[in-house]
Amino acid sequence: MNSMDLLEVIGSIRDKYVADARQILEENVPAKAVKPRHTVAYRIAAVIALVLACILFLQTPIGAAAVEVVKESVSKLIESLFPPKDVIVMPEGMPEAVPHEAQGRDPDADNPGFAMYVDTESYLMTEENGGYYVRQIPMKYDREEIRQQQAATLEGLSPEEQEAAIDERIQELKDFYASLPANEIEIREVPGKEFSAYAEEVRNQMAADWEITEDLIWVDRPLAFTFRVSGGNAWDSPQEDHYFVDNGEQGTFHIIARYRLEAAEGHGMRFTSMIQTFAVVNNADVLDRTAAVQPLDTSEYSSPEIVVSQFMQAYFSGNADSVKPYLSESFDSAIDVYTDFEPADPEIHAIKGLENWARDLEQWGTIRPSIEFRKTPDSDYYMYLSMTLVWEDNQWKVSEYGLEG
């Protein structure tokens, strides 16, 4: 079964049956964790396979075989749209390449879906009451560590009393953290609300009770309107970043990153890195891409995100010797480093140009990422450290770079 055959089979499924199949799945699993490796691809493949098996081919051996072909083909094709990758995050202002996997919601007959890369080693996406939440994987408390911390309190107690006291301490810790403002991402679709108008509406509503710390602006990662609000200056004061993404159907994906002030440089920055990968997925996109030429096999290449992160640190250190190991043999310019230091260090906003690096490499033979940053946190414009990467001696090297802005 080739790509066009697959499209024809999928196209023969009536929207009604797709919707019915989705409803059955949702009724049987009302609230579930989105497992790290069960991406949008697997869920769409499951719905398609279910419909085909139950409606089209259930009674025939040929049909049973076709189900497996379609399921495997769709799964592989859609998973290829969002393969696991390293994402550059900036916790505490230091760039770090962290493995992420795509998770989200599959599109159905009437509604678009979405995909977002999640740091599945530290966070878990769940579906709850029509919304999607990304939260830190629950902490596991070490009983022996607590026993050592509470040694003075436990002294003189029987073994049973000690275990009960440890249980009580663990519950106290759980209750304490549960009482604090949440560290989480919420993703909720708002049908019938045009995204730019809805962004302004929510911004105006929140201005009554929150301080607007970054007013409504347009960003390109993701393509969205965004603003930031603060609920105070105490360590546990709630902070929120709001994003409004056009769902392509006269509606909005409203994304909210919530975190405590003390977690702004930790959870806050990690949430930003994840949200910047958010993408709307609709059936037309999926089906169009199933007929596309297979992408470049990238198994022989290392992750370019890592060398970009390392080169960026070397450049901003101001030390020319730190930059040299990353330069290509073809580099023939004077080595330049960042020396325009202000009272505060540069604030890195985003690393661009790596979203489709395999396609760029196949088309141009090079990759051209850039670092978007502000000289200081209160600068009113961005600057860019642009570079060209080439594959040389089984590693990525910088053949040219320069500062723009």
Protein backbone atom coordinates (compact mmCIF):
# COMPACT_ATOMS: atom_id res chain seq x y z
CA MET A 1 0.00 0.00 0.00
CA ASN A 2 1.64 3.23 -1.13
CA SER A 3 1.00 6.76 0.11
CA MET A 4 -1.79 7.48 -2.36
CA ASP A 5 -3.54 4.17 -1.55
CA LEU A 6 -3.36 5.06 2.10
CA LEU A 7 -4.88 8.47 1.48
CA GLU A 8 -7.71 6.93 -0.53
CA VAL A 9 -8.55 4.45 2.22
CA ILE A 10 -8.49 7.12 4.91
CA GLY A 11 -10.55 9.47 2.78
CA SER A 12 -13.27 6.83 2.40
CA ILE A 13 -14.03 6.88 6.12
CA ARG A 14 -17.08 9.00 6.84
CA ASP A 15 -16.56 11.79 9.36
CA LYS A 16 -19.47 10.44 11.39
CA TYR A 17 -17.67 7.17 12.09
CA VAL A 18 -14.43 8.92 13.04
CA ALA A 19 -16.36 11.08 15.49
CA ASP A 20 -18.19 8.02 16.86
CA ALA A 21 -14.94 6.17 17.38
CA ARG A 22 -13.40 9.13 19.18
CA GLN A 23 -16.48 9.41 21.43
CA ILE A 24 -16.20 5.73 22.37
CA LEU A 25 -12.54 6.19 23.27
CA GLU A 26 -13.24 9.28 25.36
CA GLU A 27 -16.17 7.68 27.21
CA ASN A 28 -14.03 4.74 28.21
CA VAL A 29 -11.04 6.88 29.21
CA PRO A 30 -12.47 10.12 30.70
CA ALA A 31 -9.21 11.37 32.20
CA LYS A 32 -5.84 9.87 31.45
CA ALA A 33 -2.16 10.56 31.44
CA VAL A 34 -0.69 11.16 28.01
CA LYS A 35 2.06 8.59 28.05
CA PRO A 36 5.50 9.91 27.05
CA ARG A 37 5.92 7.71 23.98
CA HIS A 38 2.27 7.66 22.85
CA THR A 39 2.41 10.78 20.73
CA VAL A 40 -0.20 12.32 18.46
CA ALA A 41 0.85 9.74 15.89
CA TYR A 42 -0.16 6.74 17.96
CA ARG A 43 -3.54 8.18 18.92
CA ILE A 44 -4.53 9.07 15.36
CA ALA A 45 -3.33 5.66 14.21
CA ALA A 46 -5.44 3.99 16.89
CA VAL A 47 -8.63 5.81 15.84
CA ILE A 48 -8.07 5.08 12.16
CA ALA A 49 -7.29 1.43 12.83
CA LEU A 50 -10.41 1.10 15.02
CA VAL A 51 -12.70 2.59 12.39
CA LEU A 52 -11.22 0.51 9.62
CA ALA A 53 -11.43 -2.68 11.65
CA CYS A 54 -14.98 -2.14 12.89
CA ILE A 55 -16.59 -0.67 9.79
CA LEU A 56 -14.68 -1.45 6.62
CA PHE A 57 -12.77 -4.69 6.85
CA LEU A 58 -13.83 -6.54 9.97
CA GLN A 59 -15.24 -9.55 8.14
CA THR A 60 -12.40 -10.27 5.72
CA PRO A 61 -8.81 -11.56 6.07
CA ILE A 62 -7.72 -8.95 3.55
CA GLY A 63 -9.34 -6.29 5.67
CA ALA A 64 -7.55 -7.49 8.79
CA ALA A 65 -4.22 -7.30 6.99
CA ALA A 66 -5.06 -3.86 5.62
CA VAL A 67 -5.76 -2.61 9.14
CA GLU A 68 -2.23 -3.49 10.19
CA VAL A 69 -0.74 -1.86 7.09
CA VAL A 70 -2.70 1.35 7.58
CA LYS A 71 -2.02 1.46 11.32
CA GLU A 72 1.71 0.99 10.88
CA SER A 73 1.95 3.42 7.95
CA VAL A 74 -0.01 6.22 9.59
CA SER A 75 1.82 5.82 12.87
CA LYS A 76 5.23 6.06 11.22
CA LEU A 77 4.24 8.91 8.94
CA ILE A 78 2.72 11.10 11.63
CA GLU A 79 5.41 10.31 14.19
CA SER A 80 7.93 11.54 11.63
CA LEU A 81 6.33 14.98 11.84
CA PHE A 82 7.35 15.27 15.50
CA PRO A 83 10.24 12.92 16.27
CA PRO A 84 11.93 13.10 19.68
CA LYS A 85 14.58 15.81 19.83
CA ASP A 86 16.76 17.85 22.14
CA VAL A 87 15.32 21.26 23.04
CA ILE A 88 17.49 24.07 24.36
CA VAL A 89 16.19 25.29 27.71
CA MET A 90 17.54 28.15 29.80
CA PRO A 91 17.10 27.26 33.50
CA GLU A 92 18.89 29.79 35.68
CA GLY A 93 20.08 31.53 32.50
CA MET A 94 22.29 28.63 31.40
CA PRO A 95 21.55 26.87 28.08
CA GLU A 96 20.99 23.14 28.37
CA ALA A 97 20.05 20.58 25.69
CA VAL A 98 17.26 18.42 27.14
CA PRO A 99 15.55 15.43 25.43
CA HIS A 100 11.87 16.15 24.66
CA GLU A 101 9.08 14.08 23.11
CA ALA A 102 5.98 15.33 21.28
CA GLN A 103 2.64 14.90 23.03
CA GLY A 104 -0.79 16.38 22.46
CA ARG A 105 -4.22 15.79 20.96
CA ASP A 106 -5.08 14.28 17.61
CA PRO A 107 -7.38 16.15 15.22
CA ASP A 108 -10.86 14.77 14.57
CA ALA A 109 -13.51 15.39 11.93
CA ASP A 110 -14.48 18.76 13.38
CA ASN A 111 -11.57 20.03 15.46
CA PRO A 112 -7.84 20.54 15.00
CA GLY A 113 -5.34 18.90 17.31
CA PHE A 114 -2.01 20.06 18.63
CA ALA A 115 1.47 18.81 19.42
CA MET A 116 3.97 20.16 21.92
CA TYR A 117 7.38 18.87 22.91
CA VAL A 118 7.50 17.90 26.60
CA ASP A 119 10.47 17.15 28.84
CA THR A 120 9.17 13.70 29.72
CA GLU A 121 11.99 12.99 32.16
CA SER A 122 10.67 15.69 34.48
CA TYR A 123 7.07 16.41 33.44
CA LEU A 124 3.86 14.57 32.64
CA MET A 125 1.01 15.68 30.37
CA THR A 126 -2.50 14.69 31.45
CA GLU A 127 -5.94 15.28 29.99
CA GLU A 128 -8.49 16.56 32.52
CA ASN A 129 -11.99 17.92 31.98
CA GLY A 130 -11.37 18.98 28.39
CA GLY A 131 -8.02 20.60 29.10
CA TYR A 132 -4.42 19.41 28.98
CA TYR A 133 -1.94 19.98 31.80
CA VAL A 134 1.82 19.60 32.01
CA ARG A 135 3.03 19.19 35.59
CA GLN A 136 6.17 17.99 37.30
CA ILE A 137 6.30 14.24 37.85
CA PRO A 138 5.24 13.74 41.48
CA MET A 139 8.11 13.80 43.92
CA LYS A 140 9.07 10.55 45.62
CA TYR A 141 10.06 11.05 49.22
CA ASP A 142 13.05 9.12 50.55
CA ARG A 143 12.06 7.64 53.89
CA GLU A 144 15.67 7.10 54.98
CA GLU A 145 16.55 10.70 54.18
CA ILE A 146 13.58 11.89 56.24
CA ARG A 147 14.60 9.52 59.02
CA GLN A 148 18.02 11.19 59.14
CA GLN A 149 16.53 14.68 59.04
CA GLN A 150 14.12 13.86 61.86
CA ALA A 151 16.60 11.86 63.95
CA ALA A 152 16.15 14.01 67.05
CA THR A 153 12.36 13.79 66.85
CA LEU A 154 12.38 10.04 66.29
CA GLU A 155 14.77 9.27 69.11
CA GLY A 156 13.13 7.20 71.83
CA LEU A 157 10.17 6.09 69.68
CA SER A 158 9.36 2.48 68.93
CA PRO A 159 9.93 1.24 65.34
CA GLU A 160 6.19 1.42 64.67
CA GLU A 161 5.97 4.95 66.06
CA GLN A 162 8.97 6.01 63.96
CA GLU A 163 7.36 4.75 60.75
CA ALA A 164 4.11 6.52 61.65
CA ALA A 165 6.01 9.75 62.34
CA ILE A 166 7.76 9.48 58.97
CA ASP A 167 4.40 8.95 57.25
CA GLU A 168 3.09 12.04 59.00
CA ARG A 169 6.12 14.10 57.87
CA ILE A 170 5.68 12.98 54.25
CA GLN A 171 2.01 13.97 54.37
CA GLU A 172 2.95 17.37 55.82
CA LEU A 173 5.34 17.95 52.92
CA LYS A 174 2.70 16.91 50.38
CA ASP A 175 0.11 19.20 51.98
CA PHE A 176 2.57 22.11 52.05
CA TYR A 177 3.41 21.90 48.35
CA ALA A 178 -0.23 21.32 47.43
CA SER A 179 -1.14 24.57 49.20
CA LEU A 180 1.23 26.64 47.04
CA PRO A 181 0.33 28.22 43.68
CA ALA A 182 0.70 25.64 40.92
CA ASN A 183 3.68 25.13 38.65
CA GLU A 184 1.97 23.91 35.47
CA ILE A 185 1.06 24.49 31.83
CA GLU A 186 -2.61 24.45 30.88
CA ILE A 187 -3.73 24.09 27.25
CA ARG A 188 -7.39 24.65 26.49
CA GLU A 189 -9.19 25.18 23.19
CA VAL A 190 -11.75 28.01 23.08
CA PRO A 191 -14.04 27.55 20.04
CA GLY A 192 -15.65 30.59 18.45
CA LYS A 193 -13.15 33.07 19.88
CA GLU A 194 -10.84 34.73 17.35
CA PHE A 195 -7.39 34.55 18.90
CA SER A 196 -6.29 38.20 18.72
CA ALA A 197 -9.61 39.53 20.07
CA TYR A 198 -9.68 36.85 22.76
CA ALA A 199 -6.13 37.74 23.82
CA GLU A 200 -7.13 41.35 24.36
CA GLU A 201 -10.31 40.30 26.17
CA VAL A 202 -8.44 38.09 28.65
CA ARG A 203 -5.70 40.68 29.11
CA ASN A 204 -8.26 43.36 30.02
CA GLN A 205 -10.03 41.03 32.45
CA MET A 206 -6.83 40.11 34.25
CA ALA A 207 -5.63 43.70 34.51
CA ALA A 208 -8.25 44.28 37.21
CA ASP A 209 -6.58 41.88 39.68
CA TRP A 210 -3.08 41.25 38.36
CA GLU A 211 -0.09 43.41 37.52
CA ILE A 212 0.68 43.30 33.79
CA THR A 213 4.45 42.87 33.76
CA GLU A 214 4.81 42.27 29.99
CA ASP A 215 2.01 43.66 27.87
CA LEU A 216 0.37 42.05 24.87
CA ILE A 217 2.87 41.37 22.06
CA TRP A 218 3.17 39.09 19.02
CA VAL A 219 5.78 36.30 19.04
CA ASP A 220 6.75 33.71 16.44
CA ARG A 221 7.47 30.76 18.75
CA PRO A 222 4.73 29.74 18.75
CA LEU A 223 2.81 32.05 16.42
CA ALA A 224 0.82 33.73 19.15
CA PHE A 225 -0.14 36.82 21.08
CA THR A 226 1.23 36.71 24.61
CA PHE A 227 1.36 38.69 27.83
CA ARG A 228 2.68 38.11 31.35
CA VAL A 229 1.08 38.92 34.70
CA SER A 230 2.23 38.85 38.32
CA GLY A 231 0.31 38.25 41.52
CA GLY A 232 2.89 39.78 43.82
CA ASN A 233 6.56 39.96 44.79
CA ALA A 234 6.71 37.32 47.54
CA TRP A 235 8.63 34.11 46.84
CA ASP A 236 5.39 32.13 46.46
CA SER A 237 3.44 34.76 44.52
CA PRO A 238 1.71 33.33 41.42
CA GLN A 239 2.97 34.35 37.97
CA GLU A 240 1.33 33.56 34.64
CA ASP A 241 2.37 33.69 30.99
CA HIS A 242 -0.57 33.62 28.56
CA TYR A 243 -0.36 32.58 24.89
CA PHE A 244 -3.16 32.74 22.31
CA VAL A 245 -2.74 30.62 19.17
CA ASP A 246 -5.07 30.61 16.16
CA ASN A 247 -6.57 27.10 15.86
CA GLY A 248 -7.34 27.62 12.16
CA GLU A 249 -11.09 27.16 12.75
CA GLN A 250 -12.10 30.61 14.07
CA GLY A 251 -11.07 29.57 17.56
CA THR A 252 -8.15 29.79 19.95
CA PHE A 253 -5.74 27.56 21.79
CA HIS A 254 -5.22 29.35 25.10
CA ILE A 255 -1.96 28.26 26.76
CA ILE A 256 -1.16 29.35 30.32
CA ALA A 257 2.17 28.78 32.08
CA ARG A 258 1.69 29.12 35.84
CA TYR A 259 4.56 29.18 38.30
CA ARG A 260 5.60 30.66 41.62
CA LEU A 261 7.96 33.63 41.56
CA GLU A 262 10.78 31.59 43.09
CA ALA A 263 10.41 29.11 40.20
CA ALA A 264 10.55 31.72 37.42
CA GLU A 265 14.11 30.79 36.40
CA GLY A 266 13.44 27.07 36.79
CA HIS A 267 9.97 25.83 35.90
CA GLY A 268 9.17 29.15 34.21
CA MET A 269 12.03 28.89 31.72
CA ARG A 270 11.39 25.19 31.08
CA PHE A 271 7.73 25.93 30.42
CA THR A 272 8.72 28.64 27.95
CA SER A 273 10.94 26.20 26.04
CA MET A 274 8.10 23.69 25.80
CA ILE A 275 5.46 26.22 24.76
CA GLN A 276 7.72 27.56 22.03
CA THR A 277 7.40 24.17 20.29
CA PHE A 278 3.57 24.22 20.28
CA ALA A 279 2.05 23.48 16.86
CA VAL A 280 -1.53 23.17 15.61
CA VAL A 281 -2.21 19.91 13.75
CA ASN A 282 -5.20 19.36 11.47
CA ASN A 283 -6.25 16.47 9.27
CA ALA A 284 -5.28 18.27 6.07
CA ASP A 285 -1.73 18.75 7.36
CA VAL A 286 -1.42 15.10 8.30
CA LEU A 287 -2.80 13.76 5.02
CA ASP A 288 -0.80 16.19 2.90
CA ARG A 289 2.39 15.10 4.57
CA THR A 290 1.69 11.39 4.20
CA ALA A 291 2.23 11.84 0.47
CA ALA A 292 5.41 13.84 0.90
CA VAL A 293 8.89 12.57 0.10
CA GLN A 294 10.51 10.78 3.02
CA PRO A 295 12.78 13.13 4.99
CA LEU A 296 16.54 12.85 5.21
CA ASP A 297 17.78 10.00 7.41
CA THR A 298 19.41 11.86 10.31
CA SER A 299 20.66 8.81 12.22
CA GLU A 300 24.27 9.49 11.23
CA TYR A 301 24.19 13.06 12.54
CA SER A 302 24.57 14.22 16.12
CA SER A 303 22.17 16.78 17.53
CA PRO A 304 22.97 20.30 16.24
CA GLU A 305 21.22 21.79 19.29
CA ILE A 306 24.09 20.68 21.51
CA VAL A 307 26.88 22.35 19.53
CA VAL A 308 24.78 25.52 19.11
CA SER A 309 24.32 25.66 22.88
CA GLN A 310 28.04 25.10 23.51
CA PHE A 311 29.13 27.63 20.87
CA MET A 312 26.72 30.18 22.29
CA GLN A 313 28.23 29.82 25.77
CA ALA A 314 31.74 30.15 24.35
CA TYR A 315 30.83 33.26 22.34
CA PHE A 316 29.15 35.03 25.25
CA SER A 317 32.04 34.18 27.59
CA GLY A 318 34.16 36.75 25.73
CA ASN A 319 37.04 34.27 25.43
CA ALA A 320 38.32 33.72 21.87
CA ASP A 321 40.14 30.51 22.82
CA SER A 322 36.82 29.02 23.95
CA VAL A 323 35.35 29.63 20.49
CA LYS A 324 38.16 28.03 18.46
CA PRO A 325 37.25 24.35 18.98
CA TYR A 326 33.85 24.90 17.34
CA LEU A 327 35.15 26.51 14.13
CA SER A 328 35.31 24.75 10.78
CA GLU A 329 38.55 24.32 8.85
CA SER A 330 37.00 26.59 6.23
CA PHE A 331 36.57 29.45 8.73
CA ASP A 332 38.89 32.22 7.54
CA SER A 333 37.71 35.33 9.41
CA ALA A 334 38.94 36.98 12.56
CA ILE A 335 37.59 35.32 15.71
CA ASP A 336 34.98 37.58 17.25
CA VAL A 337 33.45 37.23 20.72
CA TYR A 338 30.85 39.14 22.70
CA THR A 339 32.42 42.04 24.58
CA ASP A 340 29.52 44.50 24.80
CA PHE A 341 28.69 43.59 28.40
CA GLU A 342 26.15 45.72 30.23
CA PRO A 343 25.46 45.82 34.00
CA ALA A 344 23.39 42.67 33.44
CA ASP A 345 24.28 39.65 31.31
CA PRO A 346 22.57 39.18 27.92
CA GLU A 347 19.14 37.58 28.18
CA ILE A 348 18.69 34.69 25.73
CA HIS A 349 15.16 34.58 24.33
CA ALA A 350 15.17 31.83 21.71
CA ILE A 351 17.29 29.63 19.45
CA LYS A 352 15.86 29.74 15.95
CA GLY A 353 16.45 27.92 12.71
CA LEU A 354 16.65 24.35 14.04
CA GLU A 355 12.98 23.42 13.73
CA ASN A 356 13.52 21.78 10.31
CA TRP A 357 17.28 21.36 10.28
CA ALA A 358 17.21 18.02 8.43
CA ARG A 359 15.22 19.57 5.58
CA ASP A 360 17.57 22.56 5.44
CA LEU A 361 20.61 20.30 5.42
CA GLU A 362 19.17 18.23 2.59
CA GLN A 363 18.29 21.32 0.55
CA TRP A 364 21.26 23.59 1.24
CA GLY A 365 23.97 21.37 2.69
CA THR A 366 24.20 23.63 5.75
CA ILE A 367 22.12 24.72 8.75
CA ARG A 368 21.68 28.40 9.65
CA PRO A 369 20.51 28.81 13.26
CA SER A 370 20.49 32.08 15.20
CA ILE A 371 20.38 33.09 18.87
CA GLU A 372 17.78 35.75 19.67
CA PHE A 373 18.72 37.78 22.75
CA ARG A 374 18.45 41.13 24.48
CA LYS A 375 21.54 42.92 25.76
CA THR A 376 19.79 43.42 29.09
CA PRO A 377 16.42 42.19 30.40
CA ASP A 378 14.91 45.67 29.93
CA SER A 379 16.22 46.25 26.39
CA ASP A 380 13.45 47.19 23.97
CA TYR A 381 14.89 45.33 20.97
CA TYR A 382 16.43 41.96 20.12
CA MET A 383 19.83 41.15 18.68
CA TYR A 384 20.85 37.97 16.86
CA LEU A 385 23.95 35.80 16.85
CA SER A 386 23.64 34.07 13.47
CA MET A 387 25.81 31.18 12.33
CA THR A 388 26.21 28.53 9.65
CA LEU A 389 26.78 24.91 10.64
CA VAL A 390 28.45 22.33 8.41
CA TRP A 391 28.95 18.59 8.95
CA GLU A 392 32.71 18.07 9.09
CA ASP A 393 34.69 15.09 10.39
CA ASN A 394 31.54 13.52 11.86
CA GLN A 395 30.64 16.57 13.92
CA TRP A 396 28.98 19.95 13.53
CA LYS A 397 31.29 22.91 12.98
CA VAL A 398 30.67 26.66 12.61
CA SER A 399 31.84 27.87 9.19
CA GLU A 400 30.77 31.49 9.74
CA TYR A 401 28.98 33.61 12.33
CA GLY A 402 28.19 37.21 13.13
CA LEU A 403 26.15 39.56 15.28
CA GLU A 404 23.08 41.31 13.86
CA GLY A 405 20.44 43.60 15.24
